[in-house]
Amino acid sequence: MPLPKRWRTLNRPTVGSAPEQYGVYELGEDGEVLEVGWGVLRDELKDALAYGSGDEVRWETCQTKAEARELAAEHRERAGL
């Protein structure tokens, strides 16, 4: 099950609008999930933008590091990654 958010273009303005908070993110291309990750969202998305891991992103914030890690594991499993 994908994150219940709309895809956004992975670019500098999108990365700049990402919160400096733990969360889960999906990177994709043409609406298909390529990668699921977790961490401090703005930092993670800066890396994704720099290293070209897809052209779309969506994310969900979490309250704790542990919550982000667990949610990412669930989404990876559901996405078959």
PDB file of N, CA and C in Angstrom:
ATOM      1  N   MET A   1       0.849  -1.188   0.000  1.00  0.00           N
ATOM      2  CA  MET A   1       0.000   0.000   0.000  1.00  0.00           C
ATOM      3  C   MET A   1       0.882   1.233   0.000  1.00  0.00           C
ATOM      4  N   PRO A   2       0.737   2.093  -0.985  1.00  0.00           N
ATOM      5  CA  PRO A   2       1.558   3.303  -1.040  1.00  0.00           C
ATOM      6  C   PRO A   2       1.121   4.335   0.003  1.00  0.00           C
ATOM      7  N   LEU A   3       1.969   5.315   0.189  1.00  0.00           N
ATOM      8  CA  LEU A   3       1.603   6.409   1.089  1.00  0.00           C
ATOM      9  C   LEU A   3       0.379   7.120   0.531  1.00  0.00           C
ATOM     10  N   PRO A   4      -0.540   7.541   1.379  1.00  0.00           N
ATOM     11  CA  PRO A   4      -1.770   8.182   0.898  1.00  0.00           C
ATOM     12  C   PRO A   4      -1.562   9.669   0.604  1.00  0.00           C
ATOM     13  N   LYS A   5      -0.575   9.962  -0.211  1.00  0.00           N
ATOM     14  CA  LYS A   5      -0.255  11.351  -0.556  1.00  0.00           C
ATOM     15  C   LYS A   5      -0.110  11.453  -2.071  1.00  0.00           C
ATOM     16  N   ARG A   6      -0.245  12.672  -2.595  1.00  0.00           N
ATOM     17  CA  ARG A   6      -0.021  12.903  -4.026  1.00  0.00           C
ATOM     18  C   ARG A   6       1.475  12.967  -4.307  1.00  0.00           C
ATOM     19  N   TRP A   7       1.858  12.542  -5.503  1.00  0.00           N
ATOM     20  CA  TRP A   7       3.246  12.672  -5.933  1.00  0.00           C
ATOM     21  C   TRP A   7       3.573  14.140  -6.152  1.00  0.00           C
ATOM     22  N   ARG A   8       4.801  14.524  -5.828  1.00  0.00           N
ATOM     23  CA  ARG A   8       5.326  15.864  -6.105  1.00  0.00           C
ATOM     24  C   ARG A   8       6.573  15.688  -6.952  1.00  0.00           C
ATOM     25  N   THR A   9       6.862  16.646  -7.783  1.00  0.00           N
ATOM     26  CA  THR A   9       8.087  16.609  -8.566  1.00  0.00           C
ATOM     27  C   THR A   9       9.272  16.742  -7.621  1.00  0.00           C
ATOM     28  N   LEU A  10      10.265  15.878  -7.791  1.00  0.00           N
ATOM     29  CA  LEU A  10      11.472  15.950  -6.956  1.00  0.00           C
ATOM     30  C   LEU A  10      12.378  17.028  -7.539  1.00  0.00           C
ATOM     31  N   ASN A  11      12.338  18.205  -6.919  1.00  0.00           N
ATOM     32  CA  ASN A  11      13.171  19.328  -7.351  1.00  0.00           C
ATOM     33  C   ASN A  11      13.532  20.174  -6.124  1.00  0.00           C
ATOM     34  N   ARG A  12      14.321  21.204  -6.342  1.00  0.00           N
ATOM     35  CA  ARG A  12      14.790  22.018  -5.218  1.00  0.00           C
ATOM     36  C   ARG A  12      13.658  22.646  -4.407  1.00  0.00           C
ATOM     37  N   PRO A  13      12.633  23.233  -5.048  1.00  0.00           N
ATOM     38  CA  PRO A  13      11.542  23.799  -4.236  1.00  0.00           C
ATOM     39  C   PRO A  13      10.818  22.752  -3.381  1.00  0.00           C
ATOM     40  N   THR A  14      10.623  21.557  -3.933  1.00  0.00           N
ATOM     41  CA  THR A  14       9.967  20.502  -3.160  1.00  0.00           C
ATOM     42  C   THR A  14      10.830  20.093  -1.975  1.00  0.00           C
ATOM     43  N   VAL A  15      12.122  19.898  -2.221  1.00  0.00           N
ATOM     44  CA  VAL A  15      13.034  19.533  -1.132  1.00  0.00           C
ATOM     45  C   VAL A  15      13.048  20.632  -0.079  1.00  0.00           C
ATOM     46  N   GLY A  16      13.064  21.883  -0.514  1.00  0.00           N
ATOM     47  CA  GLY A  16      13.054  23.004   0.423  1.00  0.00           C
ATOM     48  C   GLY A  16      11.793  23.083   1.252  1.00  0.00           C
ATOM     49  N   SER A  17      10.685  22.545   0.736  1.00  0.00           N
ATOM     50  CA  SER A  17       9.421  22.582   1.474  1.00  0.00           C
ATOM     51  C   SER A  17       9.260  21.381   2.407  1.00  0.00           C
ATOM     52  N   ALA A  18      10.150  20.402   2.299  1.00  0.00           N
ATOM     53  CA  ALA A  18      10.065  19.213   3.164  1.00  0.00           C
ATOM     54  C   ALA A  18      10.417  19.602   4.597  1.00  0.00           C
ATOM     55  N   PRO A  19       9.715  19.044   5.558  1.00  0.00           N
ATOM     56  CA  PRO A  19      10.001  19.387   6.956  1.00  0.00           C
ATOM     57  C   PRO A  19      11.310  18.772   7.442  1.00  0.00           C
ATOM     58  N   GLU A  20      11.929  19.426   8.398  1.00  0.00           N
ATOM     59  CA  GLU A  20      13.120  18.881   9.050  1.00  0.00           C
ATOM     60  C   GLU A  20      12.636  18.040  10.229  1.00  0.00           C
ATOM     61  N   GLN A  21      12.027  16.928   9.868  1.00  0.00           N
ATOM     62  CA  GLN A  21      11.369  16.055  10.835  1.00  0.00           C
ATOM     63  C   GLN A  21      11.505  14.624  10.314  1.00  0.00           C
ATOM     64  N   TYR A  22      11.491  13.659  11.235  1.00  0.00           N
ATOM     65  CA  TYR A  22      11.540  12.261  10.808  1.00  0.00           C
ATOM     66  C   TYR A  22      10.295  11.922  10.010  1.00  0.00           C
ATOM     67  N   GLY A  23      10.474  11.059   9.039  1.00  0.00           N
ATOM     68  CA  GLY A  23       9.349  10.614   8.243  1.00  0.00           C
ATOM     69  C   GLY A  23       9.745   9.511   7.293  1.00  0.00           C
ATOM     70  N   VAL A  24       8.770   9.090   6.520  1.00  0.00           N
ATOM     71  CA  VAL A  24       8.928   8.057   5.504  1.00  0.00           C
ATOM     72  C   VAL A  24       8.684   8.725   4.158  1.00  0.00           C
ATOM     73  N   TYR A  25       9.465   8.343   3.162  1.00  0.00           N
ATOM     74  CA  TYR A  25       9.264   8.901   1.833  1.00  0.00           C
ATOM     75  C   TYR A  25       9.319   7.797   0.792  1.00  0.00           C
ATOM     76  N   GLU A  26       8.636   8.039  -0.309  1.00  0.00           N
ATOM     77  CA  GLU A  26       8.691   7.162  -1.461  1.00  0.00           C
ATOM     78  C   GLU A  26       9.227   7.966  -2.629  1.00  0.00           C
ATOM     79  N   LEU A  27      10.162   7.385  -3.346  1.00  0.00           N
ATOM     80  CA  LEU A  27      10.669   7.969  -4.579  1.00  0.00           C
ATOM     81  C   LEU A  27      10.090   7.167  -5.724  1.00  0.00           C
ATOM     82  N   GLY A  28       9.690   7.850  -6.774  1.00  0.00           N
ATOM     83  CA  GLY A  28       9.073   7.143  -7.877  1.00  0.00           C
ATOM     84  C   GLY A  28       9.339   7.779  -9.215  1.00  0.00           C
ATOM     85  N   GLU A  29       8.805   7.095 -10.214  1.00  0.00           N
ATOM     86  CA  GLU A  29       8.906   7.563 -11.590  1.00  0.00           C
ATOM     87  C   GLU A  29       7.646   7.097 -12.303  1.00  0.00           C
ATOM     88  N   ASP A  30       6.970   8.000 -12.967  1.00  0.00           N
ATOM     89  CA  ASP A  30       5.709   7.692 -13.658  1.00  0.00           C
ATOM     90  C   ASP A  30       4.697   7.023 -12.731  1.00  0.00           C
ATOM     91  N   GLY A  31       4.661   7.448 -11.472  1.00  0.00           N
ATOM     92  CA  GLY A  31       3.698   6.933 -10.509  1.00  0.00           C
ATOM     93  C   GLY A  31       4.033   5.581  -9.909  1.00  0.00           C
ATOM     94  N   GLU A  32       5.192   5.025 -10.255  1.00  0.00           N
ATOM     95  CA  GLU A  32       5.612   3.724  -9.723  1.00  0.00           C
ATOM     96  C   GLU A  32       6.653   3.931  -8.628  1.00  0.00           C
ATOM     97  N   VAL A  33       6.471   3.252  -7.499  1.00  0.00           N
ATOM     98  CA  VAL A  33       7.392   3.370  -6.376  1.00  0.00           C
ATOM     99  C   VAL A  33       8.695   2.638  -6.700  1.00  0.00           C
ATOM    100  N   LEU A  34       9.818   3.370  -6.624  1.00  0.00           N
ATOM    101  CA  LEU A  34      11.137   2.792  -6.875  1.00  0.00           C
ATOM    102  C   LEU A  34      11.897   2.520  -5.588  1.00  0.00           C
ATOM    103  N   GLU A  35      11.632   3.353  -4.581  1.00  0.00           N
ATOM    104  CA  GLU A  35      12.394   3.263  -3.336  1.00  0.00           C
ATOM    105  C   GLU A  35      11.547   3.793  -2.192  1.00  0.00           C
ATOM    106  N   VAL A  36      11.712   3.183  -1.030  1.00  0.00           N
ATOM    107  CA  VAL A  36      11.077   3.667   0.200  1.00  0.00           C
ATOM    108  C   VAL A  36      12.198   3.899   1.197  1.00  0.00           C
ATOM    109  N   GLY A  37      12.219   5.061   1.800  1.00  0.00           N
ATOM    110  CA  GLY A  37      13.254   5.373   2.775  1.00  0.00           C
ATOM    111  C   GLY A  37      12.685   6.108   3.970  1.00  0.00           C
ATOM    112  N   TRP A  38      13.541   6.346   4.933  1.00  0.00           N
ATOM    113  CA  TRP A  38      13.121   7.059   6.138  1.00  0.00           C
ATOM    114  C   TRP A  38      14.300   7.871   6.654  1.00  0.00           C
ATOM    115  N   GLY A  39      14.004   8.830   7.489  1.00  0.00           N
ATOM    116  CA  GLY A  39      15.015   9.676   8.104  1.00  0.00           C
ATOM    117  C   GLY A  39      14.479  11.079   8.247  1.00  0.00           C
ATOM    118  N   VAL A  40      15.374  12.021   8.475  1.00  0.00           N
ATOM    119  CA  VAL A  40      14.973  13.430   8.507  1.00  0.00           C
ATOM    120  C   VAL A  40      14.677  13.805   7.052  1.00  0.00           C
ATOM    121  N   LEU A  41      13.437  14.132   6.777  1.00  0.00           N
ATOM    122  CA  LEU A  41      12.972  14.231   5.401  1.00  0.00           C
ATOM    123  C   LEU A  41      13.785  15.170   4.531  1.00  0.00           C
ATOM    124  N   ARG A  42      14.026  16.374   4.983  1.00  0.00           N
ATOM    125  CA  ARG A  42      14.745  17.319   4.126  1.00  0.00           C
ATOM    126  C   ARG A  42      16.138  16.803   3.784  1.00  0.00           C
ATOM    127  N   ASP A  43      16.821  16.230   4.758  1.00  0.00           N
ATOM    128  CA  ASP A  43      18.171  15.692   4.509  1.00  0.00           C
ATOM    129  C   ASP A  43      18.123  14.528   3.529  1.00  0.00           C
ATOM    130  N   GLU A  44      17.177  13.622   3.721  1.00  0.00           N
ATOM    131  CA  GLU A  44      17.059  12.461   2.837  1.00  0.00           C
ATOM    132  C   GLU A  44      16.725  12.884   1.411  1.00  0.00           C
ATOM    133  N   LEU A  45      15.842  13.860   1.270  1.00  0.00           N
ATOM    134  CA  LEU A  45      15.436  14.286  -0.065  1.00  0.00           C
ATOM    135  C   LEU A  45      16.526  15.075  -0.773  1.00  0.00           C
ATOM    136  N   LYS A  46      17.369  15.776  -0.023  1.00  0.00           N
ATOM    137  CA  LYS A  46      18.532  16.432  -0.635  1.00  0.00           C
ATOM    138  C   LYS A  46      19.425  15.389  -1.289  1.00  0.00           C
ATOM    139  N   ASP A  47      19.667  14.291  -0.577  1.00  0.00           N
ATOM    140  CA  ASP A  47      20.476  13.201  -1.135  1.00  0.00           C
ATOM    141  C   ASP A  47      19.807  12.588  -2.359  1.00  0.00           C
ATOM    142  N   ALA A  48      18.511  12.358  -2.275  1.00  0.00           N
ATOM    143  CA  ALA A  48      17.786  11.768  -3.400  1.00  0.00           C
ATOM    144  C   ALA A  48      17.866  12.668  -4.630  1.00  0.00           C
ATOM    145  N   LEU A  49      17.742  13.962  -4.435  1.00  0.00           N
ATOM    146  CA  LEU A  49      17.823  14.909  -5.552  1.00  0.00           C
ATOM    147  C   LEU A  49      19.223  14.902  -6.152  1.00  0.00           C
ATOM    148  N   ALA A  50      20.236  14.867  -5.311  1.00  0.00           N
ATOM    149  CA  ALA A  50      21.622  14.904  -5.787  1.00  0.00           C
ATOM    150  C   ALA A  50      22.023  13.640  -6.539  1.00  0.00           C
ATOM    151  N   TYR A  51      21.475  12.493  -6.127  1.00  0.00           N
ATOM    152  CA  TYR A  51      21.913  11.226  -6.712  1.00  0.00           C
ATOM    153  C   TYR A  51      20.895  10.595  -7.653  1.00  0.00           C
ATOM    154  N   GLY A  52      19.840  11.339  -8.011  1.00  0.00           N
ATOM    155  CA  GLY A  52      18.913  10.908  -9.051  1.00  0.00           C
ATOM    156  C   GLY A  52      18.164   9.616  -8.804  1.00  0.00           C
ATOM    157  N   SER A  53      17.514   9.489  -7.658  1.00  0.00           N
ATOM    158  CA  SER A  53      16.781   8.261  -7.326  1.00  0.00           C
ATOM    159  C   SER A  53      15.304   8.352  -7.684  1.00  0.00           C
ATOM    160  N   GLY A  54      14.964   8.880  -8.838  1.00  0.00           N
ATOM    161  CA  GLY A  54      13.570   9.034  -9.246  1.00  0.00           C
ATOM    162  C   GLY A  54      13.264  10.491  -9.498  1.00  0.00           C
ATOM    163  N   ASP A  55      12.092  10.757 -10.064  1.00  0.00           N
ATOM    164  CA  ASP A  55      11.743  12.141 -10.354  1.00  0.00           C
ATOM    165  C   ASP A  55      10.491  12.615  -9.627  1.00  0.00           C
ATOM    166  N   GLU A  56       9.923  11.741  -8.774  1.00  0.00           N
ATOM    167  CA  GLU A  56       8.754  12.104  -7.979  1.00  0.00           C
ATOM    168  C   GLU A  56       8.975  11.671  -6.537  1.00  0.00           C
ATOM    169  N   VAL A  57       8.292  12.350  -5.634  1.00  0.00           N
ATOM    170  CA  VAL A  57       8.422  12.013  -4.215  1.00  0.00           C
ATOM    171  C   VAL A  57       7.106  12.280  -3.497  1.00  0.00           C
ATOM    172  N   ARG A  58       6.879  11.514  -2.463  1.00  0.00           N
ATOM    173  CA  ARG A  58       5.790  11.796  -1.518  1.00  0.00           C
ATOM    174  C   ARG A  58       6.268  11.329  -0.158  1.00  0.00           C
ATOM    175  N   TRP A  59       5.743  11.955   0.879  1.00  0.00           N
ATOM    176  CA  TRP A  59       6.219  11.624   2.223  1.00  0.00           C
ATOM    177  C   TRP A  59       5.120  11.755   3.258  1.00  0.00           C
ATOM    178  N   GLU A  60       5.422  11.175   4.405  1.00  0.00           N
ATOM    179  CA  GLU A  60       4.549  11.270   5.571  1.00  0.00           C
ATOM    180  C   GLU A  60       5.450  11.478   6.787  1.00  0.00           C
ATOM    181  N   THR A  61       5.141  12.463   7.609  1.00  0.00           N
ATOM    182  CA  THR A  61       5.944  12.726   8.797  1.00  0.00           C
ATOM    183  C   THR A  61       5.605  11.740   9.904  1.00  0.00           C
ATOM    184  N   CYS A  62       6.555  11.554  10.801  1.00  0.00           N
ATOM    185  CA  CYS A  62       6.401  10.667  11.950  1.00  0.00           C
ATOM    186  C   CYS A  62       6.844  11.414  13.205  1.00  0.00           C
ATOM    187  N   GLN A  63       6.415  10.930  14.343  1.00  0.00           N
ATOM    188  CA  GLN A  63       6.767  11.581  15.602  1.00  0.00           C
ATOM    189  C   GLN A  63       8.150  11.184  16.101  1.00  0.00           C
ATOM    190  N   THR A  64       8.583   9.966  15.781  1.00  0.00           N
ATOM    191  CA  THR A  64       9.865   9.484  16.297  1.00  0.00           C
ATOM    192  C   THR A  64      10.654   8.759  15.214  1.00  0.00           C
ATOM    193  N   LYS A  65      11.939   8.603  15.466  1.00  0.00           N
ATOM    194  CA  LYS A  65      12.819   7.866  14.568  1.00  0.00           C
ATOM    195  C   LYS A  65      12.349   6.413  14.444  1.00  0.00           C
ATOM    196  N   ALA A  66      12.000   5.809  15.561  1.00  0.00           N
ATOM    197  CA  ALA A  66      11.549   4.413  15.564  1.00  0.00           C
ATOM    198  C   ALA A  66      10.274   4.234  14.746  1.00  0.00           C
ATOM    199  N   GLU A  67       9.353   5.164  14.877  1.00  0.00           N
ATOM    200  CA  GLU A  67       8.105   5.096  14.115  1.00  0.00           C
ATOM    201  C   GLU A  67       8.393   5.182  12.615  1.00  0.00           C
ATOM    202  N   ALA A  68       9.304   6.073  12.224  1.00  0.00           N
ATOM    203  CA  ALA A  68       9.660   6.222  10.813  1.00  0.00           C
ATOM    204  C   ALA A  68      10.285   4.937  10.277  1.00  0.00           C
ATOM    205  N   ARG A  69      11.178   4.346  11.046  1.00  0.00           N
ATOM    206  CA  ARG A  69      11.844   3.110  10.625  1.00  0.00           C
ATOM    207  C   ARG A  69      10.830   1.976  10.445  1.00  0.00           C
ATOM    208  N   GLU A  70       9.909   1.831  11.390  1.00  0.00           N
ATOM    209  CA  GLU A  70       8.897   0.772  11.316  1.00  0.00           C
ATOM    210  C   GLU A  70       7.946   0.972  10.132  1.00  0.00           C
ATOM    211  N   LEU A  71       7.496   2.200   9.938  1.00  0.00           N
ATOM    212  CA  LEU A  71       6.584   2.489   8.842  1.00  0.00           C
ATOM    213  C   LEU A  71       7.259   2.242   7.495  1.00  0.00           C
ATOM    214  N   ALA A  72       8.523   2.620   7.373  1.00  0.00           N
ATOM    215  CA  ALA A  72       9.262   2.378   6.127  1.00  0.00           C
ATOM    216  C   ALA A  72       9.377   0.890   5.843  1.00  0.00           C
ATOM    217  N   ALA A  73       9.643   0.093   6.868  1.00  0.00           N
ATOM    218  CA  ALA A  73       9.744  -1.357   6.690  1.00  0.00           C
ATOM    219  C   ALA A  73       8.415  -1.932   6.201  1.00  0.00           C
ATOM    220  N   GLU A  74       7.317  -1.466   6.769  1.00  0.00           N
ATOM    221  CA  GLU A  74       5.996  -1.923   6.333  1.00  0.00           C
ATOM    222  C   GLU A  74       5.751  -1.571   4.868  1.00  0.00           C
ATOM    223  N   HIS A  75       6.071  -0.348   4.482  1.00  0.00           N
ATOM    224  CA  HIS A  75       5.834   0.091   3.098  1.00  0.00           C
ATOM    225  C   HIS A  75       6.748  -0.633   2.113  1.00  0.00           C
ATOM    226  N   ARG A  76       7.987  -0.903   2.508  1.00  0.00           N
ATOM    227  CA  ARG A  76       8.894  -1.664   1.631  1.00  0.00           C
ATOM    228  C   ARG A  76       8.323  -3.058   1.381  1.00  0.00           C
ATOM    229  N   GLU A  77       7.855  -3.690   2.449  1.00  0.00           N
ATOM    230  CA  GLU A  77       7.308  -5.038   2.330  1.00  0.00           C
ATOM    231  C   GLU A  77       6.083  -5.044   1.413  1.00  0.00           C
ATOM    232  N   ARG A  78       5.190  -4.103   1.615  1.00  0.00           N
ATOM    233  CA  ARG A  78       3.977  -4.035   0.793  1.00  0.00           C
ATOM    234  C   ARG A  78       4.291  -3.729  -0.667  1.00  0.00           C
ATOM    235  N   ALA A  79       5.330  -2.922  -0.897  1.00  0.00           N
ATOM    236  CA  ALA A  79       5.707  -2.552  -2.271  1.00  0.00           C
ATOM    237  C   ALA A  79       6.580  -3.627  -2.924  1.00  0.00           C
ATOM    238  N   GLY A  80       6.989  -4.626  -2.153  1.00  0.00           N
ATOM    239  CA  GLY A  80       7.834  -5.676  -2.700  1.00  0.00           C
ATOM    240  C   GLY A  80       9.254  -5.235  -2.951  1.00  0.00           C
ATOM    241  N   LEU A  81       9.740  -4.290  -2.149  1.00  0.00           N
ATOM    242  CA  LEU A  81      11.109  -3.774  -2.330  1.00  0.00           C
ATOM    243  C   LEU A  81      12.050  -4.348  -1.298  1.00  0.00           C
TER     244      LEU A  81
END
